[in-house]
N, C-alpha and C. Protein backbone atom coordinates (compact mmCIF):
# COMPACT_ATOMS: atom_id res chain seq x y z
N MET A 1 67.62 -72.01 -66.09
CA MET A 1 67.67 -72.43 -67.56
C MET A 1 67.12 -71.34 -68.40
N SER A 2 67.95 -70.75 -69.32
CA SER A 2 67.41 -69.69 -70.10
C SER A 2 66.68 -70.21 -71.35
N ARG A 3 65.57 -69.60 -71.28
CA ARG A 3 64.58 -70.08 -72.43
C ARG A 3 64.91 -69.45 -73.74
N VAL A 4 65.32 -68.20 -73.71
CA VAL A 4 65.89 -67.43 -74.84
C VAL A 4 67.30 -68.16 -75.23
N GLY A 5 68.15 -68.23 -74.47
CA GLY A 5 69.46 -68.67 -74.73
C GLY A 5 69.36 -70.10 -75.48
N ASN A 6 68.65 -71.09 -75.07
CA ASN A 6 68.46 -72.42 -75.41
C ASN A 6 67.88 -72.57 -76.78
N THR A 7 67.21 -71.63 -77.30
CA THR A 7 66.62 -71.62 -78.58
C THR A 7 67.52 -71.40 -79.74
N PRO A 8 67.52 -72.45 -80.56
CA PRO A 8 68.60 -72.39 -81.79
C PRO A 8 68.16 -71.28 -82.84
N VAL A 9 69.34 -70.75 -83.43
CA VAL A 9 69.06 -69.59 -84.32
C VAL A 9 69.15 -70.43 -85.71
N THR A 10 68.05 -70.30 -86.61
CA THR A 10 68.19 -70.92 -87.86
C THR A 10 68.90 -69.99 -88.80
N LEU A 11 69.76 -70.61 -89.77
CA LEU A 11 70.65 -69.94 -90.59
C LEU A 11 69.99 -69.94 -91.88
N PRO A 12 69.57 -68.89 -92.53
CA PRO A 12 68.92 -68.83 -93.82
C PRO A 12 70.15 -69.18 -94.84
N SER A 13 69.81 -69.53 -96.08
CA SER A 13 70.70 -69.99 -96.97
C SER A 13 71.58 -68.65 -97.44
N GLY A 14 72.92 -68.89 -97.56
CA GLY A 14 73.86 -67.87 -97.88
C GLY A 14 74.56 -67.18 -96.71
N VAL A 15 73.85 -67.48 -95.42
CA VAL A 15 74.38 -66.98 -94.03
C VAL A 15 75.46 -67.87 -93.51
N ASN A 16 76.61 -67.37 -93.24
CA ASN A 16 77.67 -68.08 -92.73
C ASN A 16 77.90 -67.49 -91.32
N VAL A 17 78.32 -68.41 -90.19
CA VAL A 17 78.45 -68.09 -89.03
C VAL A 17 79.74 -68.87 -88.38
N ASP A 18 80.75 -68.29 -87.98
CA ASP A 18 81.86 -68.80 -87.53
C ASP A 18 82.45 -67.98 -86.24
N ILE A 19 83.22 -68.72 -85.50
CA ILE A 19 83.82 -68.21 -84.15
C ILE A 19 85.25 -68.16 -84.38
N LEU A 20 86.07 -66.98 -84.18
CA LEU A 20 87.46 -66.96 -84.13
C LEU A 20 88.04 -66.18 -83.17
N ASP A 21 88.78 -66.79 -81.91
CA ASP A 21 89.27 -65.86 -81.04
C ASP A 21 88.29 -65.25 -80.23
N GLY A 22 87.15 -65.72 -80.08
CA GLY A 22 86.06 -65.30 -79.07
C GLY A 22 85.19 -64.25 -79.73
N VAL A 23 85.37 -64.15 -81.02
CA VAL A 23 84.65 -63.17 -81.79
C VAL A 23 83.54 -63.97 -82.70
N VAL A 24 82.37 -63.75 -82.52
CA VAL A 24 81.42 -64.50 -83.68
C VAL A 24 81.18 -63.53 -84.77
N ARG A 25 81.36 -64.19 -85.84
CA ARG A 25 81.28 -63.37 -87.14
C ARG A 25 80.17 -64.02 -88.15
N ALA A 26 79.26 -63.23 -88.34
CA ALA A 26 78.16 -63.63 -89.32
C ALA A 26 78.40 -62.89 -90.46
N SER A 27 78.24 -63.62 -91.77
CA SER A 27 78.39 -63.06 -93.03
C SER A 27 77.49 -63.44 -94.20
N ARG A 28 77.40 -62.59 -95.12
CA ARG A 28 76.50 -63.11 -96.21
C ARG A 28 76.98 -62.12 -97.37
N GLY A 29 77.62 -62.71 -98.25
CA GLY A 29 78.26 -61.93 -99.25
C GLY A 29 79.41 -61.21 -98.78
N ALA A 30 79.36 -59.81 -99.18
CA ALA A 30 80.37 -58.86 -98.68
C ALA A 30 79.90 -58.32 -97.34
N ALA A 31 78.78 -58.47 -96.65
CA ALA A 31 78.23 -57.88 -95.40
C ALA A 31 78.82 -58.90 -94.36
N VAL A 32 79.42 -58.14 -93.29
CA VAL A 32 79.91 -58.96 -92.28
C VAL A 32 79.69 -58.34 -90.98
N LEU A 33 78.90 -58.96 -89.92
CA LEU A 33 78.64 -58.32 -88.56
C LEU A 33 79.47 -59.34 -87.55
N THR A 34 80.02 -58.60 -86.55
CA THR A 34 80.69 -59.40 -85.45
C THR A 34 80.21 -58.89 -84.19
N PHE A 35 80.44 -59.60 -83.24
CA PHE A 35 80.28 -59.43 -81.81
C PHE A 35 81.06 -60.32 -80.91
N PRO A 36 81.65 -59.80 -79.85
CA PRO A 36 82.56 -60.67 -78.97
C PRO A 36 81.66 -61.52 -78.27
N LEU A 37 82.02 -62.91 -78.25
CA LEU A 37 81.26 -63.89 -77.50
C LEU A 37 81.91 -63.87 -76.04
N PRO A 38 80.90 -63.79 -75.03
CA PRO A 38 81.48 -63.69 -73.65
C PRO A 38 82.09 -64.93 -73.23
N ASP A 39 83.14 -64.87 -72.30
CA ASP A 39 83.86 -66.08 -71.86
C ASP A 39 82.79 -67.00 -71.15
N GLY A 40 82.92 -68.27 -71.30
CA GLY A 40 82.04 -69.15 -70.75
C GLY A 40 80.95 -69.68 -71.64
N LEU A 41 80.96 -69.03 -72.87
CA LEU A 41 79.79 -69.37 -73.70
C LEU A 41 80.59 -70.01 -74.97
N GLY A 42 79.76 -70.94 -75.72
CA GLY A 42 80.33 -71.43 -76.96
C GLY A 42 79.22 -71.63 -77.91
N LEU A 43 79.49 -71.90 -79.28
CA LEU A 43 78.56 -72.25 -80.11
C LEU A 43 78.62 -73.55 -80.59
N GLN A 44 77.48 -74.15 -80.92
CA GLN A 44 77.27 -75.55 -81.30
C GLN A 44 76.47 -75.73 -82.53
N PHE A 45 76.88 -75.99 -83.63
CA PHE A 45 76.24 -76.23 -84.81
C PHE A 45 75.69 -77.56 -85.00
N THR A 46 74.42 -77.65 -85.62
CA THR A 46 73.94 -78.82 -86.12
C THR A 46 74.63 -79.59 -87.16
N ASP A 47 74.23 -80.95 -87.39
CA ASP A 47 75.18 -81.54 -88.22
C ASP A 47 74.82 -81.00 -89.61
N ASP A 48 73.57 -80.61 -90.05
CA ASP A 48 73.32 -79.99 -91.43
C ASP A 48 73.87 -78.67 -91.55
N GLY A 49 74.24 -78.10 -90.45
CA GLY A 49 74.69 -76.68 -90.57
C GLY A 49 73.47 -75.62 -90.95
N LYS A 50 72.33 -75.82 -90.63
CA LYS A 50 71.22 -75.03 -90.84
C LYS A 50 70.85 -74.23 -89.66
N SER A 51 71.34 -74.54 -88.51
CA SER A 51 71.02 -73.89 -87.09
C SER A 51 72.33 -73.99 -86.33
N VAL A 52 72.34 -72.97 -85.39
CA VAL A 52 73.27 -72.93 -84.45
C VAL A 52 72.85 -72.51 -83.07
N SER A 53 73.46 -73.03 -82.04
CA SER A 53 72.95 -72.75 -80.72
C SER A 53 74.12 -72.26 -79.80
N VAL A 54 73.62 -71.54 -78.83
CA VAL A 54 74.65 -70.97 -77.78
C VAL A 54 74.60 -71.71 -76.51
N PHE A 55 75.56 -72.25 -76.26
CA PHE A 55 75.72 -73.07 -74.89
C PHE A 55 76.64 -72.61 -73.77
N ARG A 56 76.38 -72.88 -72.53
CA ARG A 56 77.08 -72.45 -71.46
C ARG A 56 78.19 -73.49 -71.20
N LYS A 57 79.29 -73.09 -70.92
CA LYS A 57 80.37 -74.06 -70.61
C LYS A 57 80.43 -74.38 -68.87
N SER A 58 79.85 -73.38 -68.18
CA SER A 58 79.81 -73.44 -67.06
C SER A 58 78.42 -72.94 -66.32
N ASP A 59 78.14 -73.17 -65.12
CA ASP A 59 76.76 -72.75 -64.72
C ASP A 59 76.93 -71.51 -63.72
N ASP A 60 78.25 -70.61 -63.97
CA ASP A 60 78.23 -69.49 -63.08
C ASP A 60 77.25 -68.60 -63.25
N SER A 61 76.78 -67.84 -62.38
CA SER A 61 75.59 -66.72 -62.70
C SER A 61 75.93 -65.54 -63.65
N ARG A 62 77.24 -65.25 -63.68
CA ARG A 62 77.67 -64.25 -64.91
C ARG A 62 77.39 -64.88 -66.14
N VAL A 63 77.65 -66.12 -66.38
CA VAL A 63 77.74 -66.88 -67.72
C VAL A 63 76.11 -66.85 -67.91
N ARG A 64 75.46 -67.53 -67.04
CA ARG A 64 73.92 -67.58 -67.04
C ARG A 64 73.34 -66.12 -67.53
N SER A 65 73.82 -65.19 -66.98
CA SER A 65 73.01 -63.88 -67.33
C SER A 65 73.39 -63.45 -68.67
N LEU A 66 74.62 -63.94 -69.44
CA LEU A 66 74.98 -63.58 -70.72
C LEU A 66 74.46 -64.45 -71.67
N HIS A 67 73.95 -65.60 -71.29
CA HIS A 67 73.43 -66.72 -72.32
C HIS A 67 72.33 -66.21 -73.20
N GLY A 68 71.44 -65.71 -72.74
CA GLY A 68 70.29 -65.20 -73.57
C GLY A 68 70.74 -63.94 -74.32
N LEU A 69 71.61 -62.90 -73.92
CA LEU A 69 71.98 -61.98 -74.49
C LEU A 69 72.86 -62.51 -75.68
N ALA A 70 73.73 -63.37 -75.60
CA ALA A 70 74.63 -63.90 -76.74
C ALA A 70 73.79 -64.40 -77.85
N ARG A 71 72.69 -65.11 -77.40
CA ARG A 71 71.83 -65.73 -78.37
C ARG A 71 70.99 -64.65 -79.10
N SER A 72 70.58 -63.61 -78.64
CA SER A 72 69.77 -62.44 -79.23
C SER A 72 70.76 -61.74 -80.01
N LEU A 73 71.98 -61.30 -79.66
CA LEU A 73 72.79 -60.76 -80.55
C LEU A 73 73.25 -61.39 -81.77
N LEU A 74 73.33 -62.72 -81.60
CA LEU A 74 73.50 -63.57 -82.88
C LEU A 74 72.21 -63.73 -83.68
N ALA A 75 71.27 -63.78 -83.23
CA ALA A 75 69.84 -63.90 -83.99
C ALA A 75 69.80 -62.40 -84.67
N ASN A 76 70.03 -61.44 -83.98
CA ASN A 76 69.75 -60.11 -84.65
C ASN A 76 70.93 -59.91 -85.73
N ASN A 77 72.05 -60.37 -85.74
CA ASN A 77 72.85 -60.25 -86.72
C ASN A 77 72.40 -60.93 -87.97
N VAL A 78 72.05 -62.27 -87.72
CA VAL A 78 71.59 -63.08 -88.66
C VAL A 78 70.24 -62.47 -89.53
N ARG A 79 69.30 -62.10 -88.51
CA ARG A 79 68.31 -61.46 -89.23
C ARG A 79 68.53 -60.20 -90.00
N GLY A 80 69.53 -59.37 -89.65
CA GLY A 80 69.86 -58.09 -90.13
C GLY A 80 70.53 -58.40 -91.47
N LEU A 81 71.22 -59.47 -91.53
CA LEU A 81 71.94 -59.74 -92.92
C LEU A 81 70.95 -60.01 -93.91
N VAL A 82 69.77 -60.70 -93.54
CA VAL A 82 68.75 -61.06 -94.56
C VAL A 82 67.89 -59.99 -94.89
N ALA A 83 67.22 -59.38 -93.97
CA ALA A 83 66.41 -58.17 -94.03
C ALA A 83 66.87 -57.01 -93.03
N SER A 84 67.03 -55.75 -93.85
CA SER A 84 67.76 -54.89 -92.88
C SER A 84 66.77 -54.45 -91.74
N TRP A 85 67.44 -54.03 -90.56
CA TRP A 85 66.59 -53.35 -89.61
C TRP A 85 66.28 -51.90 -89.96
N GLU A 86 65.04 -51.43 -89.52
CA GLU A 86 64.69 -50.06 -89.98
C GLU A 86 64.09 -49.16 -88.75
N LYS A 87 64.27 -48.04 -88.61
CA LYS A 87 63.64 -47.12 -87.69
C LYS A 87 63.28 -45.97 -88.47
N ARG A 88 62.00 -45.56 -88.37
CA ARG A 88 61.17 -44.32 -88.99
C ARG A 88 61.02 -43.14 -87.93
N LEU A 89 61.31 -42.02 -88.33
CA LEU A 89 61.29 -40.96 -87.48
C LEU A 89 60.35 -39.81 -88.32
N GLU A 90 59.72 -39.14 -87.35
CA GLU A 90 58.86 -37.93 -87.96
C GLU A 90 59.27 -36.70 -87.17
N ILE A 91 59.17 -35.63 -87.95
CA ILE A 91 59.57 -34.40 -87.32
C ILE A 91 58.32 -33.51 -87.22
N VAL A 92 57.96 -33.06 -86.11
CA VAL A 92 56.51 -32.17 -85.93
C VAL A 92 57.07 -30.77 -85.52
N GLY A 93 56.60 -29.93 -86.01
CA GLY A 93 56.94 -28.54 -85.71
C GLY A 93 56.82 -27.67 -86.87
N VAL A 94 56.35 -26.53 -86.80
CA VAL A 94 56.38 -25.43 -87.86
C VAL A 94 57.81 -25.10 -88.17
N GLY A 95 58.17 -25.30 -89.50
CA GLY A 95 59.59 -25.02 -89.99
C GLY A 95 60.61 -25.98 -89.61
N TYR A 96 60.10 -26.98 -88.73
CA TYR A 96 61.23 -28.24 -88.49
C TYR A 96 61.43 -29.10 -89.89
N GLN A 97 62.55 -29.24 -90.18
CA GLN A 97 62.66 -30.11 -91.32
C GLN A 97 64.17 -30.80 -91.10
N ALA A 98 64.27 -31.81 -92.06
CA ALA A 98 65.50 -32.64 -92.12
C ALA A 98 65.83 -32.65 -93.78
N SER A 99 67.23 -32.83 -93.93
CA SER A 99 67.78 -32.83 -95.37
C SER A 99 69.05 -33.67 -95.22
N LEU A 100 69.41 -34.27 -96.38
CA LEU A 100 70.74 -35.01 -96.42
C LEU A 100 71.78 -34.36 -97.28
N VAL A 101 72.85 -34.07 -96.76
CA VAL A 101 73.95 -33.41 -97.36
C VAL A 101 75.26 -34.01 -97.26
N ALA A 102 75.78 -34.48 -98.30
CA ALA A 102 76.94 -35.04 -98.27
C ALA A 102 77.47 -36.18 -97.23
N GLY A 103 76.52 -37.02 -96.96
CA GLY A 103 76.68 -38.06 -95.87
C GLY A 103 76.33 -37.59 -94.41
N HIS A 104 75.87 -36.36 -94.46
CA HIS A 104 75.36 -35.82 -92.96
C HIS A 104 73.84 -35.71 -93.03
N LEU A 105 73.29 -35.90 -91.92
CA LEU A 105 71.76 -35.43 -91.74
C LEU A 105 71.59 -34.06 -90.99
N HIS A 106 71.12 -33.10 -91.90
CA HIS A 106 71.10 -31.76 -91.44
C HIS A 106 69.66 -31.57 -90.84
N LEU A 107 69.50 -31.26 -89.62
CA LEU A 107 68.15 -31.06 -89.04
C LEU A 107 67.97 -29.38 -88.40
N SER A 108 67.05 -29.05 -89.05
CA SER A 108 66.67 -27.62 -88.69
C SER A 108 65.47 -27.73 -87.81
N VAL A 109 65.57 -27.67 -86.51
CA VAL A 109 64.59 -27.86 -85.45
C VAL A 109 64.48 -26.77 -84.48
N GLY A 110 64.48 -25.67 -84.80
CA GLY A 110 64.25 -24.51 -83.97
C GLY A 110 65.64 -23.96 -83.33
N PHE A 111 66.83 -24.35 -83.56
CA PHE A 111 67.99 -23.85 -83.04
C PHE A 111 68.43 -22.77 -83.98
N ALA A 112 69.38 -21.79 -83.52
CA ALA A 112 69.90 -20.78 -84.30
C ALA A 112 70.86 -21.59 -85.49
N ASP A 113 71.41 -22.73 -85.25
CA ASP A 113 72.21 -23.31 -86.21
C ASP A 113 71.56 -24.62 -86.55
N ILE A 114 71.83 -25.13 -87.81
CA ILE A 114 71.43 -26.59 -88.23
C ILE A 114 72.39 -27.45 -87.48
N VAL A 115 71.65 -28.57 -86.94
CA VAL A 115 72.51 -29.61 -86.50
C VAL A 115 72.69 -30.66 -87.46
N LYS A 116 74.09 -30.86 -87.37
CA LYS A 116 74.63 -31.88 -88.44
C LYS A 116 74.98 -33.15 -87.83
N ILE A 117 74.53 -34.38 -88.27
CA ILE A 117 74.69 -35.64 -87.70
C ILE A 117 75.42 -36.46 -88.77
N PRO A 118 76.41 -36.97 -88.56
CA PRO A 118 77.11 -37.89 -89.61
C PRO A 118 76.40 -39.12 -89.67
N ILE A 119 76.36 -39.77 -90.82
CA ILE A 119 75.62 -40.91 -91.10
C ILE A 119 76.74 -42.03 -91.06
N PRO A 120 76.91 -43.00 -89.99
CA PRO A 120 77.92 -43.98 -90.15
C PRO A 120 77.73 -44.98 -91.06
N VAL A 121 78.97 -45.63 -91.39
CA VAL A 121 78.88 -46.57 -92.54
C VAL A 121 78.26 -47.86 -92.17
N GLY A 122 77.36 -48.36 -92.83
CA GLY A 122 76.47 -49.43 -92.59
C GLY A 122 74.99 -49.11 -92.21
N VAL A 123 74.71 -47.76 -92.41
CA VAL A 123 73.39 -47.22 -92.19
C VAL A 123 73.07 -46.52 -93.37
N VAL A 124 71.73 -46.75 -93.95
CA VAL A 124 71.18 -45.93 -94.95
C VAL A 124 70.19 -45.11 -94.52
N CYS A 125 70.49 -43.71 -94.72
CA CYS A 125 69.43 -42.67 -94.40
C CYS A 125 68.67 -42.32 -95.52
N THR A 126 67.29 -42.22 -95.59
CA THR A 126 66.53 -41.84 -96.57
C THR A 126 65.58 -40.61 -95.98
N VAL A 127 65.44 -39.44 -96.74
CA VAL A 127 64.40 -38.48 -96.34
C VAL A 127 63.51 -38.44 -97.41
N SER A 128 62.30 -39.13 -97.18
CA SER A 128 61.25 -39.27 -98.05
C SER A 128 60.57 -37.77 -98.21
N ASP A 129 60.41 -37.02 -97.42
CA ASP A 129 59.93 -35.63 -97.51
C ASP A 129 60.63 -34.90 -96.23
N PRO A 130 60.62 -33.55 -96.15
CA PRO A 130 61.29 -32.88 -95.15
C PRO A 130 61.06 -33.33 -93.68
N THR A 131 59.90 -33.83 -93.45
CA THR A 131 59.39 -34.18 -92.03
C THR A 131 59.53 -35.76 -91.72
N HIS A 132 59.87 -36.61 -92.70
CA HIS A 132 59.89 -38.08 -92.33
C HIS A 132 61.33 -38.52 -92.89
N LEU A 133 61.88 -39.23 -92.01
CA LEU A 133 63.11 -39.94 -92.40
C LEU A 133 63.12 -41.40 -91.99
N CYS A 134 63.92 -42.10 -92.67
CA CYS A 134 63.99 -43.72 -92.52
C CYS A 134 65.63 -44.14 -92.40
N LEU A 135 65.83 -44.76 -91.15
CA LEU A 135 67.11 -45.23 -90.99
C LEU A 135 67.28 -46.75 -91.21
N SER A 136 68.15 -47.42 -92.01
CA SER A 136 68.02 -48.81 -92.21
C SER A 136 69.52 -49.27 -92.18
N GLY A 137 69.67 -50.60 -91.93
CA GLY A 137 71.04 -51.29 -92.03
C GLY A 137 70.86 -52.56 -91.37
N ALA A 138 72.03 -53.21 -91.33
CA ALA A 138 72.03 -54.72 -91.07
C ALA A 138 72.41 -54.70 -89.54
N ASP A 139 73.02 -53.71 -89.02
CA ASP A 139 73.41 -53.86 -87.51
C ASP A 139 72.31 -53.13 -86.66
N ARG A 140 71.34 -54.01 -86.04
CA ARG A 140 70.46 -53.40 -85.34
C ARG A 140 70.73 -52.55 -84.03
N GLN A 141 71.96 -52.62 -83.56
CA GLN A 141 72.32 -51.70 -82.58
C GLN A 141 72.79 -50.35 -83.08
N LEU A 142 73.48 -50.39 -84.25
CA LEU A 142 73.87 -49.02 -84.78
C LEU A 142 72.76 -48.24 -85.55
N VAL A 143 71.78 -49.01 -85.93
CA VAL A 143 70.68 -48.24 -86.47
C VAL A 143 69.71 -47.68 -85.33
N GLY A 144 69.67 -48.34 -84.14
CA GLY A 144 68.82 -48.03 -83.16
C GLY A 144 69.50 -46.85 -82.38
N GLN A 145 70.87 -46.86 -82.25
CA GLN A 145 71.63 -45.90 -81.50
C GLN A 145 71.58 -44.62 -82.48
N LEU A 146 71.65 -44.68 -83.58
CA LEU A 146 71.63 -43.58 -84.53
C LEU A 146 70.31 -42.82 -84.47
N ALA A 147 69.18 -43.66 -84.47
CA ALA A 147 67.85 -43.03 -84.22
C ALA A 147 67.70 -42.60 -82.85
N ALA A 148 68.19 -42.97 -81.99
CA ALA A 148 68.12 -42.35 -80.65
C ALA A 148 68.84 -41.03 -80.46
N ASN A 149 69.96 -40.86 -81.16
CA ASN A 149 70.91 -39.65 -81.21
C ASN A 149 70.14 -38.63 -81.99
N VAL A 150 69.51 -39.11 -83.08
CA VAL A 150 68.69 -38.11 -83.80
C VAL A 150 67.45 -37.60 -83.15
N ARG A 151 66.71 -38.40 -82.34
CA ARG A 151 65.60 -38.26 -81.57
C ARG A 151 66.10 -37.21 -80.47
N SER A 152 67.19 -37.52 -79.86
CA SER A 152 67.71 -36.71 -78.66
C SER A 152 68.04 -35.20 -78.99
N VAL A 153 68.23 -34.87 -80.37
CA VAL A 153 68.41 -33.36 -80.64
C VAL A 153 67.21 -32.55 -80.30
N ARG A 154 66.04 -33.09 -80.50
CA ARG A 154 64.79 -32.34 -80.08
C ARG A 154 63.74 -33.30 -79.75
N PRO A 155 63.70 -33.87 -78.51
CA PRO A 155 62.81 -34.93 -78.04
C PRO A 155 61.20 -34.23 -78.08
N PRO A 156 60.18 -34.88 -78.41
CA PRO A 156 58.88 -34.37 -78.45
C PRO A 156 58.55 -33.56 -76.95
N GLU A 157 58.04 -32.52 -76.98
CA GLU A 157 57.66 -31.66 -75.76
C GLU A 157 56.30 -31.98 -75.56
N PRO A 158 55.88 -32.11 -74.34
CA PRO A 158 54.52 -32.45 -73.91
C PRO A 158 53.25 -31.47 -74.12
N TYR A 159 53.65 -30.14 -74.51
CA TYR A 159 52.68 -29.24 -74.51
C TYR A 159 51.97 -29.06 -76.12
N LYS A 160 52.80 -28.89 -76.85
CA LYS A 160 52.43 -28.84 -78.32
C LYS A 160 52.85 -30.02 -79.15
N GLY A 161 53.58 -30.94 -78.55
CA GLY A 161 54.08 -32.04 -79.29
C GLY A 161 55.00 -31.93 -80.36
N LYS A 162 55.75 -30.74 -80.11
CA LYS A 162 56.81 -30.37 -81.22
C LYS A 162 58.07 -31.29 -81.05
N GLY A 163 58.78 -31.68 -82.04
CA GLY A 163 60.05 -32.49 -81.85
C GLY A 163 60.16 -33.56 -82.73
N ILE A 164 61.22 -34.45 -82.64
CA ILE A 164 61.45 -35.42 -83.36
C ILE A 164 60.87 -36.68 -82.60
N ARG A 165 60.04 -37.52 -83.22
CA ARG A 165 59.54 -38.84 -82.55
C ARG A 165 59.66 -39.94 -83.65
N TYR A 166 59.58 -41.23 -82.95
CA TYR A 166 59.41 -42.36 -83.78
C TYR A 166 57.97 -42.27 -84.27
N VAL A 167 57.73 -42.80 -85.68
CA VAL A 167 56.45 -43.11 -86.31
C VAL A 167 55.73 -43.91 -85.23
N ASN A 168 54.50 -43.54 -84.99
CA ASN A 168 53.47 -44.35 -84.17
C ASN A 168 53.81 -44.06 -82.76
N GLU A 169 54.82 -43.27 -82.26
CA GLU A 169 54.97 -43.03 -80.97
C GLU A 169 54.06 -42.13 -80.44
N HIS A 170 53.59 -42.44 -79.19
CA HIS A 170 52.42 -41.71 -78.47
C HIS A 170 53.15 -40.77 -77.55
N VAL A 171 53.05 -39.57 -77.74
CA VAL A 171 53.30 -38.52 -76.77
C VAL A 171 52.30 -38.07 -76.02
N LYS A 172 52.63 -38.22 -74.78
CA LYS A 172 51.54 -38.02 -73.57
C LYS A 172 51.48 -36.34 -73.41
N ARG A 173 50.48 -35.76 -73.76
CA ARG A 173 50.26 -34.23 -73.87
C ARG A 173 49.60 -33.83 -72.45
N LYS A 174 50.04 -32.63 -72.18
CA LYS A 174 49.78 -32.00 -70.94
C LYS A 174 48.81 -30.77 -71.42
N SER A 175 47.84 -30.35 -70.53
CA SER A 175 47.17 -29.25 -70.82
C SER A 175 47.90 -28.04 -70.50
N GLY A 176 47.77 -27.02 -71.11
CA GLY A 176 48.48 -25.66 -70.74
C GLY A 176 48.01 -24.99 -69.55
N LYS A 177 48.31 -23.75 -69.41
CA LYS A 177 47.80 -23.23 -68.21
C LYS A 177 46.41 -22.99 -68.27
N ALA A 178 45.75 -23.00 -67.07
CA ALA A 178 44.26 -22.88 -67.10
C ALA A 178 43.82 -21.47 -66.73
N PHE A 179 43.23 -20.60 -67.26
CA PHE A 179 42.93 -19.24 -66.85
C PHE A 179 41.49 -19.34 -66.32
N GLY A 180 41.28 -18.44 -65.39
CA GLY A 180 39.74 -18.65 -65.03
C GLY A 180 39.85 -18.07 -63.37
N SER A 181 38.66 -17.99 -63.02
CA SER A 181 38.43 -17.65 -61.80
C SER A 181 38.53 -18.52 -60.49
């Protein structure tokens, strides 16, 4: 029995959830988020329409394994429509910096050329200063994937700690060469 999958998702006012042809659609105003509902799962709305639950149509092991996932995806979409998801990154290193130019994030992180990363639709990127940036949006997966792509350009290295890291990420440092007798 899935503890996560059986928990109902509370729908805040203004958020609508419906299912059409196996695709769950959560909307609030003009913002719409969708994800495919795996076969063998369904949605059950309460009588007052203030919450929705994901239920299994069969007890197959594949369906059981996707039960909690589908509920989490639904909950993430509903929460993202109310309050956007956010990832904060910081750039550490002498001369390392970021800037926004015409819908692209430009990263100058020690390479000969500037690395240009396009900002997808649905994600807002803000650069508060050249070494701190914030990615936010309603789609948790899209925001997290973009943050991971930005971080992968120059991950933090263990000797000096230079690179792109999440805010409050702990980088395990190594000691350098030991000179001595």
